Amino acid sequence: MVSMRYPPHFTFAVFDEVEEAQLTSAVEAVSSALSQVRVGFDRIGYFDGSRSLVLWAAPAKPNELAYIHRLVHVHTDGLQCRTNYLPGNWIPHCSLAVSVDPAKRSEAMALTQAKIARFEVVFDIIDCARFHPVEVIYETKLRVAV
């Protein structure tokens, strides 16, 4: 994530073609319904893509994120989302490394088998971005949880 200059994050939807105004509107609508989200993590997972290995932190209670995922898709209904981010297909995960160096593959895979200490993170921003390279189109801070 360091090389992307973008912090670890949850991706709830990916669109190949969409108007920025539609995304901004969706982010505003979703953020108005949310406050900061505290998420616990208890293991490292991976996606073995055709182009690269992706490492991610697995949320201890993934159903807590289902509400946000549904909300995002309610406010982007009708937009052509990539299949693996659609409701029913999406795997809750916090991206940590999106392009693991092939020379480090064995080390990375060992992380997915190791026990890790549970940790928590407060997510306090919601945004929409275009990538590669990452360019934030619009972001807003979430209100403090009561």
N, C-alpha and C. Protein backbone atom coordinates (compact mmCIF):
# COMPACT_ATOMS: atom_id res chain seq x y z
N MET A 1 0.83 -1.19 0.00
CA MET A 1 0.00 0.00 0.00
C MET A 1 0.87 1.25 0.00
N VAL A 2 2.07 1.13 0.53
CA VAL A 2 2.99 2.26 0.54
C VAL A 2 3.30 2.70 -0.88
N SER A 3 3.56 1.74 -1.76
CA SER A 3 3.90 2.09 -3.14
C SER A 3 2.73 2.75 -3.87
N MET A 4 1.51 2.45 -3.43
CA MET A 4 0.32 3.06 -4.04
C MET A 4 0.05 4.45 -3.47
N ARG A 5 0.70 4.76 -2.34
CA ARG A 5 0.43 6.02 -1.62
C ARG A 5 -1.04 6.13 -1.24
N TYR A 6 -1.53 5.01 -0.74
CA TYR A 6 -2.94 4.91 -0.35
C TYR A 6 -3.00 3.97 0.84
N PRO A 7 -3.72 4.32 1.89
CA PRO A 7 -3.70 3.50 3.11
C PRO A 7 -4.48 2.19 2.94
N PRO A 8 -4.24 1.25 3.86
CA PRO A 8 -5.09 0.04 3.86
C PRO A 8 -6.55 0.48 3.90
N HIS A 9 -7.40 -0.28 3.23
CA HIS A 9 -8.78 0.17 3.04
C HIS A 9 -9.71 -1.00 2.73
N PHE A 10 -11.00 -0.71 2.81
CA PHE A 10 -12.02 -1.62 2.31
C PHE A 10 -12.48 -1.08 0.97
N THR A 11 -12.65 -1.95 -0.01
CA THR A 11 -13.23 -1.56 -1.29
C THR A 11 -14.60 -2.23 -1.35
N PHE A 12 -15.64 -1.43 -1.47
CA PHE A 12 -17.00 -1.96 -1.48
C PHE A 12 -17.56 -2.09 -2.89
N ALA A 13 -16.97 -1.40 -3.85
CA ALA A 13 -17.44 -1.47 -5.24
C ALA A 13 -16.33 -0.96 -6.15
N VAL A 14 -16.28 -1.50 -7.36
CA VAL A 14 -15.35 -1.02 -8.39
C VAL A 14 -16.14 -0.88 -9.69
N PHE A 15 -16.02 0.31 -10.29
CA PHE A 15 -16.72 0.60 -11.54
C PHE A 15 -15.69 0.96 -12.60
N ASP A 16 -15.82 0.37 -13.77
CA ASP A 16 -14.88 0.70 -14.84
C ASP A 16 -15.23 2.02 -15.52
N GLU A 17 -16.52 2.32 -15.59
CA GLU A 17 -16.95 3.59 -16.19
C GLU A 17 -18.08 4.17 -15.37
N VAL A 18 -17.85 5.39 -14.86
CA VAL A 18 -18.88 6.06 -14.07
C VAL A 18 -18.53 7.55 -14.01
N GLU A 19 -19.55 8.36 -13.93
CA GLU A 19 -19.36 9.81 -13.81
C GLU A 19 -18.92 10.15 -12.39
N GLU A 20 -17.95 11.05 -12.27
CA GLU A 20 -17.49 11.46 -10.95
C GLU A 20 -18.63 12.00 -10.09
N ALA A 21 -19.55 12.73 -10.70
CA ALA A 21 -20.67 13.30 -9.94
C ALA A 21 -21.53 12.20 -9.31
N GLN A 22 -21.69 11.10 -10.01
CA GLN A 22 -22.45 9.97 -9.45
C GLN A 22 -21.74 9.39 -8.23
N LEU A 23 -20.42 9.25 -8.31
CA LEU A 23 -19.66 8.73 -7.19
C LEU A 23 -19.69 9.68 -6.00
N THR A 24 -19.50 10.94 -6.26
CA THR A 24 -19.53 11.94 -5.19
C THR A 24 -20.88 11.92 -4.48
N SER A 25 -21.93 11.86 -5.24
CA SER A 25 -23.28 11.80 -4.68
C SER A 25 -23.47 10.56 -3.82
N ALA A 26 -22.98 9.42 -4.30
CA ALA A 26 -23.09 8.17 -3.54
C ALA A 26 -22.29 8.24 -2.25
N VAL A 27 -21.08 8.78 -2.30
CA VAL A 27 -20.25 8.90 -1.09
C VAL A 27 -20.94 9.80 -0.07
N GLU A 28 -21.51 10.90 -0.52
CA GLU A 28 -22.21 11.80 0.39
C GLU A 28 -23.40 11.11 1.04
N ALA A 29 -24.16 10.36 0.26
CA ALA A 29 -25.33 9.67 0.79
C ALA A 29 -24.93 8.58 1.79
N VAL A 30 -23.92 7.81 1.45
CA VAL A 30 -23.47 6.73 2.34
C VAL A 30 -22.89 7.32 3.62
N SER A 31 -22.06 8.34 3.49
CA SER A 31 -21.42 8.91 4.68
C SER A 31 -22.43 9.54 5.63
N SER A 32 -23.53 10.06 5.11
CA SER A 32 -24.54 10.66 5.99
C SER A 32 -25.23 9.62 6.86
N ALA A 33 -25.15 8.35 6.47
CA ALA A 33 -25.78 7.27 7.23
C ALA A 33 -24.80 6.55 8.16
N LEU A 34 -23.53 6.96 8.13
CA LEU A 34 -22.51 6.22 8.89
C LEU A 34 -21.80 7.09 9.90
N SER A 35 -21.24 6.42 10.89
CA SER A 35 -20.26 7.04 11.76
C SER A 35 -18.99 6.20 11.64
N GLN A 36 -17.95 6.63 12.33
CA GLN A 36 -16.70 5.89 12.27
C GLN A 36 -16.94 4.43 12.61
N VAL A 37 -16.16 3.56 11.99
CA VAL A 37 -16.36 2.12 12.15
C VAL A 37 -15.10 1.50 12.76
N ARG A 38 -15.28 0.83 13.89
CA ARG A 38 -14.17 0.10 14.54
C ARG A 38 -14.26 -1.35 14.08
N VAL A 39 -13.18 -1.83 13.47
CA VAL A 39 -13.16 -3.19 12.93
C VAL A 39 -11.99 -3.96 13.55
N GLY A 40 -12.28 -5.16 14.05
CA GLY A 40 -11.25 -6.04 14.56
C GLY A 40 -10.81 -7.00 13.47
N PHE A 41 -9.54 -7.34 13.47
CA PHE A 41 -8.98 -8.26 12.49
C PHE A 41 -8.28 -9.40 13.23
N ASP A 42 -8.37 -10.62 12.66
CA ASP A 42 -7.79 -11.75 13.36
C ASP A 42 -6.99 -12.72 12.49
N ARG A 43 -6.85 -12.42 11.21
CA ARG A 43 -6.01 -13.27 10.35
C ARG A 43 -5.69 -12.53 9.07
N ILE A 44 -4.70 -13.06 8.34
CA ILE A 44 -4.31 -12.51 7.04
C ILE A 44 -4.78 -13.50 5.97
N GLY A 45 -5.44 -12.97 4.95
CA GLY A 45 -5.90 -13.79 3.83
C GLY A 45 -5.22 -13.34 2.55
N TYR A 46 -5.57 -14.00 1.46
CA TYR A 46 -4.97 -13.63 0.17
C TYR A 46 -5.91 -13.94 -0.98
N PHE A 47 -5.69 -13.22 -2.06
CA PHE A 47 -6.29 -13.52 -3.35
C PHE A 47 -5.11 -13.80 -4.27
N ASP A 48 -5.16 -14.90 -4.96
CA ASP A 48 -4.09 -15.24 -5.89
C ASP A 48 -4.59 -14.93 -7.29
N GLY A 49 -4.40 -13.67 -7.68
CA GLY A 49 -4.89 -13.21 -8.97
C GLY A 49 -4.00 -13.63 -10.12
N SER A 50 -4.50 -13.43 -11.31
CA SER A 50 -3.73 -13.81 -12.49
C SER A 50 -2.49 -12.93 -12.65
N ARG A 51 -2.54 -11.70 -12.14
CA ARG A 51 -1.41 -10.80 -12.29
C ARG A 51 -0.56 -10.67 -11.03
N SER A 52 -1.16 -10.85 -9.86
CA SER A 52 -0.38 -10.66 -8.64
C SER A 52 -1.07 -11.29 -7.43
N LEU A 53 -0.30 -11.45 -6.38
CA LEU A 53 -0.80 -11.93 -5.09
C LEU A 53 -1.21 -10.71 -4.27
N VAL A 54 -2.40 -10.77 -3.68
CA VAL A 54 -2.92 -9.69 -2.86
C VAL A 54 -3.08 -10.21 -1.43
N LEU A 55 -2.53 -9.48 -0.47
CA LEU A 55 -2.70 -9.82 0.94
C LEU A 55 -3.71 -8.89 1.57
N TRP A 56 -4.50 -9.43 2.50
CA TRP A 56 -5.51 -8.61 3.16
C TRP A 56 -5.74 -9.09 4.57
N ALA A 57 -6.20 -8.16 5.40
CA ALA A 57 -6.57 -8.48 6.77
C ALA A 57 -8.04 -8.88 6.77
N ALA A 58 -8.33 -9.99 7.46
CA ALA A 58 -9.70 -10.51 7.51
C ALA A 58 -10.42 -9.96 8.74
N PRO A 59 -11.56 -9.31 8.53
CA PRO A 59 -12.31 -8.81 9.68
C PRO A 59 -12.82 -9.97 10.54
N ALA A 60 -12.70 -9.81 11.87
CA ALA A 60 -13.14 -10.85 12.80
C ALA A 60 -14.65 -11.06 12.70
N LYS A 61 -15.40 -9.99 12.47
CA LYS A 61 -16.86 -10.06 12.33
C LYS A 61 -17.25 -9.44 11.00
N PRO A 62 -17.12 -10.19 9.90
CA PRO A 62 -17.35 -9.61 8.57
C PRO A 62 -18.78 -9.10 8.36
N ASN A 63 -19.73 -9.64 9.09
CA ASN A 63 -21.12 -9.18 8.89
C ASN A 63 -21.32 -7.73 9.29
N GLU A 64 -20.43 -7.21 10.15
CA GLU A 64 -20.52 -5.80 10.52
C GLU A 64 -20.35 -4.89 9.31
N LEU A 65 -19.64 -5.36 8.30
CA LEU A 65 -19.39 -4.56 7.11
C LEU A 65 -20.46 -4.73 6.04
N ALA A 66 -21.30 -5.74 6.21
CA ALA A 66 -22.34 -6.02 5.22
C ALA A 66 -23.30 -4.84 5.06
N TYR A 67 -23.61 -4.15 6.16
CA TYR A 67 -24.50 -2.98 6.10
C TYR A 67 -23.90 -1.91 5.19
N ILE A 68 -22.62 -1.63 5.37
CA ILE A 68 -21.98 -0.60 4.54
C ILE A 68 -21.96 -1.03 3.08
N HIS A 69 -21.65 -2.29 2.84
CA HIS A 69 -21.63 -2.80 1.46
C HIS A 69 -23.00 -2.65 0.82
N ARG A 70 -24.06 -3.04 1.53
CA ARG A 70 -25.43 -2.90 0.99
C ARG A 70 -25.74 -1.43 0.72
N LEU A 71 -25.36 -0.56 1.65
CA LEU A 71 -25.63 0.87 1.50
C LEU A 71 -24.94 1.44 0.25
N VAL A 72 -23.70 1.07 0.04
CA VAL A 72 -22.98 1.52 -1.14
C VAL A 72 -23.72 1.09 -2.40
N HIS A 73 -24.18 -0.15 -2.42
CA HIS A 73 -24.83 -0.65 -3.63
C HIS A 73 -26.25 -0.11 -3.81
N VAL A 74 -26.90 0.26 -2.74
CA VAL A 74 -28.20 0.95 -2.85
C VAL A 74 -27.99 2.29 -3.56
N HIS A 75 -26.91 3.00 -3.18
CA HIS A 75 -26.68 4.34 -3.72
C HIS A 75 -25.94 4.34 -5.05
N THR A 76 -25.52 3.17 -5.52
CA THR A 76 -24.89 3.08 -6.84
C THR A 76 -25.66 2.13 -7.75
N ASP A 77 -26.89 1.83 -7.36
CA ASP A 77 -27.72 0.90 -8.14
C ASP A 77 -27.83 1.39 -9.58
N GLY A 78 -27.67 0.48 -10.50
CA GLY A 78 -27.76 0.82 -11.91
C GLY A 78 -26.41 1.07 -12.55
N LEU A 79 -25.37 1.26 -11.73
CA LEU A 79 -24.03 1.43 -12.27
C LEU A 79 -23.41 0.05 -12.47
N GLN A 80 -22.60 -0.09 -13.47
CA GLN A 80 -22.01 -1.38 -13.82
C GLN A 80 -20.80 -1.68 -12.92
N CYS A 81 -21.04 -2.43 -11.84
CA CYS A 81 -20.00 -2.78 -10.88
C CYS A 81 -19.33 -4.09 -11.30
N ARG A 82 -18.02 -4.20 -11.02
CA ARG A 82 -17.32 -5.46 -11.29
C ARG A 82 -17.96 -6.58 -10.48
N THR A 83 -18.05 -7.73 -11.10
CA THR A 83 -18.78 -8.87 -10.54
C THR A 83 -18.34 -9.27 -9.14
N ASN A 84 -17.04 -9.29 -8.87
CA ASN A 84 -16.60 -9.76 -7.55
C ASN A 84 -16.90 -8.79 -6.42
N TYR A 85 -17.42 -7.61 -6.72
CA TYR A 85 -17.81 -6.65 -5.69
C TYR A 85 -19.32 -6.55 -5.51
N LEU A 86 -20.06 -7.31 -6.29
CA LEU A 86 -21.53 -7.29 -6.19
C LEU A 86 -21.99 -8.02 -4.92
N PRO A 87 -23.17 -7.62 -4.40
CA PRO A 87 -23.73 -8.35 -3.27
C PRO A 87 -23.83 -9.84 -3.60
N GLY A 88 -23.43 -10.65 -2.64
CA GLY A 88 -23.42 -12.09 -2.83
C GLY A 88 -22.06 -12.62 -3.29
N ASN A 89 -21.25 -11.77 -3.87
CA ASN A 89 -19.92 -12.17 -4.34
C ASN A 89 -18.79 -11.58 -3.51
N TRP A 90 -19.04 -10.43 -2.90
CA TRP A 90 -18.01 -9.66 -2.21
C TRP A 90 -17.49 -10.39 -0.98
N ILE A 91 -16.18 -10.39 -0.82
CA ILE A 91 -15.53 -10.96 0.36
C ILE A 91 -15.00 -9.79 1.18
N PRO A 92 -15.53 -9.59 2.40
CA PRO A 92 -15.04 -8.48 3.24
C PRO A 92 -13.54 -8.64 3.52
N HIS A 93 -12.77 -7.61 3.20
CA HIS A 93 -11.33 -7.66 3.41
C HIS A 93 -10.76 -6.25 3.39
N CYS A 94 -9.68 -6.08 4.13
CA CYS A 94 -8.96 -4.81 4.15
C CYS A 94 -7.64 -5.03 3.43
N SER A 95 -7.51 -4.45 2.27
CA SER A 95 -6.32 -4.63 1.45
C SER A 95 -5.08 -4.12 2.18
N LEU A 96 -4.04 -4.94 2.19
CA LEU A 96 -2.77 -4.57 2.80
C LEU A 96 -1.64 -4.44 1.78
N ALA A 97 -1.61 -5.37 0.82
CA ALA A 97 -0.59 -5.35 -0.24
C ALA A 97 -1.27 -5.87 -1.50
N VAL A 98 -1.27 -5.07 -2.54
CA VAL A 98 -2.03 -5.45 -3.74
C VAL A 98 -1.18 -6.01 -4.86
N SER A 99 0.12 -6.02 -4.68
CA SER A 99 0.99 -6.56 -5.72
C SER A 99 2.28 -7.06 -5.07
N VAL A 100 2.18 -8.23 -4.44
CA VAL A 100 3.34 -8.80 -3.74
C VAL A 100 4.41 -9.19 -4.75
N ASP A 101 5.62 -8.78 -4.47
CA ASP A 101 6.78 -9.14 -5.30
C ASP A 101 6.86 -10.66 -5.40
N PRO A 102 6.91 -11.21 -6.60
CA PRO A 102 6.99 -12.67 -6.76
C PRO A 102 8.14 -13.31 -5.96
N ALA A 103 9.23 -12.58 -5.77
CA ALA A 103 10.36 -13.10 -4.98
C ALA A 103 10.00 -13.24 -3.50
N LYS A 104 8.94 -12.55 -3.06
CA LYS A 104 8.51 -12.59 -1.66
C LYS A 104 7.27 -13.46 -1.47
N ARG A 105 6.87 -14.18 -2.50
CA ARG A 105 5.64 -14.97 -2.46
C ARG A 105 5.61 -15.97 -1.30
N SER A 106 6.68 -16.71 -1.11
CA SER A 106 6.72 -17.71 -0.03
C SER A 106 6.54 -17.05 1.34
N GLU A 107 7.23 -15.93 1.55
CA GLU A 107 7.10 -15.20 2.81
C GLU A 107 5.66 -14.70 3.00
N ALA A 108 5.09 -14.18 1.94
CA ALA A 108 3.72 -13.67 2.01
C ALA A 108 2.73 -14.79 2.32
N MET A 109 2.88 -15.91 1.67
CA MET A 109 1.97 -17.04 1.91
C MET A 109 2.12 -17.56 3.34
N ALA A 110 3.33 -17.51 3.89
CA ALA A 110 3.55 -17.94 5.28
C ALA A 110 2.74 -17.06 6.23
N LEU A 111 2.61 -15.78 5.91
CA LEU A 111 1.81 -14.87 6.75
C LEU A 111 0.36 -15.31 6.82
N THR A 112 -0.14 -15.86 5.73
CA THR A 112 -1.55 -16.27 5.70
C THR A 112 -1.80 -17.52 6.53
N GLN A 113 -0.74 -18.25 6.87
CA GLN A 113 -0.87 -19.46 7.68
C GLN A 113 -0.55 -19.20 9.15
N ALA A 114 0.10 -18.09 9.44
CA ALA A 114 0.52 -17.78 10.81
C ALA A 114 -0.64 -17.23 11.63
N LYS A 115 -0.62 -17.52 12.92
CA LYS A 115 -1.57 -16.91 13.85
C LYS A 115 -1.13 -15.48 14.09
N ILE A 116 -2.08 -14.56 14.10
CA ILE A 116 -1.74 -13.18 14.41
C ILE A 116 -2.54 -12.73 15.61
N ALA A 117 -2.02 -11.76 16.33
CA ALA A 117 -2.76 -11.18 17.45
C ALA A 117 -3.89 -10.32 16.88
N ARG A 118 -5.07 -10.47 17.45
CA ARG A 118 -6.20 -9.64 17.02
C ARG A 118 -5.86 -8.17 17.23
N PHE A 119 -6.22 -7.35 16.27
CA PHE A 119 -6.02 -5.91 16.40
C PHE A 119 -7.25 -5.19 15.87
N GLU A 120 -7.41 -3.94 16.28
CA GLU A 120 -8.56 -3.14 15.84
C GLU A 120 -8.09 -1.86 15.18
N VAL A 121 -8.89 -1.41 14.24
CA VAL A 121 -8.62 -0.17 13.51
C VAL A 121 -9.93 0.61 13.42
N VAL A 122 -9.85 1.92 13.59
CA VAL A 122 -11.01 2.78 13.40
C VAL A 122 -10.91 3.37 12.00
N PHE A 123 -11.92 3.10 11.19
CA PHE A 123 -12.00 3.67 9.84
C PHE A 123 -12.85 4.93 9.94
N ASP A 124 -12.25 6.06 9.57
CA ASP A 124 -12.91 7.34 9.79
C ASP A 124 -13.10 8.17 8.53
N ILE A 125 -12.77 7.60 7.39
CA ILE A 125 -12.93 8.31 6.11
C ILE A 125 -13.60 7.38 5.11
N ILE A 126 -14.44 7.95 4.29
CA ILE A 126 -14.99 7.22 3.15
C ILE A 126 -14.63 8.05 1.91
N ASP A 127 -14.24 7.35 0.86
CA ASP A 127 -13.86 8.07 -0.35
C ASP A 127 -14.21 7.27 -1.60
N CYS A 128 -14.00 7.91 -2.72
CA CYS A 128 -14.03 7.23 -4.00
C CYS A 128 -12.76 7.65 -4.72
N ALA A 129 -12.19 6.69 -5.43
CA ALA A 129 -10.89 6.95 -6.07
C ALA A 129 -10.82 6.25 -7.41
N ARG A 130 -9.94 6.75 -8.25
CA ARG A 130 -9.62 6.04 -9.49
C ARG A 130 -8.23 5.47 -9.29
N PHE A 131 -7.94 4.41 -10.01
CA PHE A 131 -6.62 3.80 -9.85
C PHE A 131 -6.15 3.22 -11.15
N HIS A 132 -5.10 3.00 -11.22
CA HIS A 132 -3.66 3.00 -11.07
C HIS A 132 -3.09 4.13 -11.89
N PRO A 133 -2.42 5.10 -11.30
CA PRO A 133 -2.17 5.25 -9.87
C PRO A 133 -3.43 5.72 -9.14
N VAL A 134 -3.42 5.58 -7.82
CA VAL A 134 -4.58 5.99 -7.03
C VAL A 134 -4.69 7.51 -7.03
N GLU A 135 -5.90 7.96 -7.32
CA GLU A 135 -6.22 9.39 -7.27
C GLU A 135 -7.57 9.52 -6.58
N VAL A 136 -7.59 10.13 -5.41
CA VAL A 136 -8.84 10.30 -4.68
C VAL A 136 -9.68 11.35 -5.39
N ILE A 137 -10.89 10.97 -5.73
CA ILE A 137 -11.82 11.88 -6.41
C ILE A 137 -12.57 12.73 -5.38
N TYR A 138 -13.00 12.07 -4.32
CA TYR A 138 -13.77 12.76 -3.28
C TYR A 138 -13.66 11.95 -2.00
N GLU A 139 -13.52 12.65 -0.88
CA GLU A 139 -13.51 11.95 0.41
C GLU A 139 -14.18 12.81 1.45
N THR A 140 -14.66 12.17 2.48
CA THR A 140 -15.26 12.87 3.60
C THR A 140 -15.00 12.08 4.87
N LYS A 141 -14.86 12.81 5.97
CA LYS A 141 -14.67 12.17 7.26
C LYS A 141 -16.01 11.69 7.78
N LEU A 142 -15.97 10.54 8.43
CA LEU A 142 -17.18 10.02 9.08
C LEU A 142 -17.29 10.64 10.47
N ARG A 143 -18.51 10.84 10.92
CA ARG A 143 -18.69 11.44 12.24
C ARG A 143 -18.22 10.47 13.33
N VAL A 144 -17.83 11.01 14.46
CA VAL A 144 -17.35 10.21 15.57
C VAL A 144 -18.50 9.36 16.11
N ALA A 145 -18.21 8.08 16.32
CA ALA A 145 -19.23 7.17 16.85
C ALA A 145 -19.56 7.57 18.28
N VAL A 146 -20.83 7.46 18.62
CA VAL A 146 -21.28 7.83 19.97
C VAL A 146 -21.27 6.62 20.87
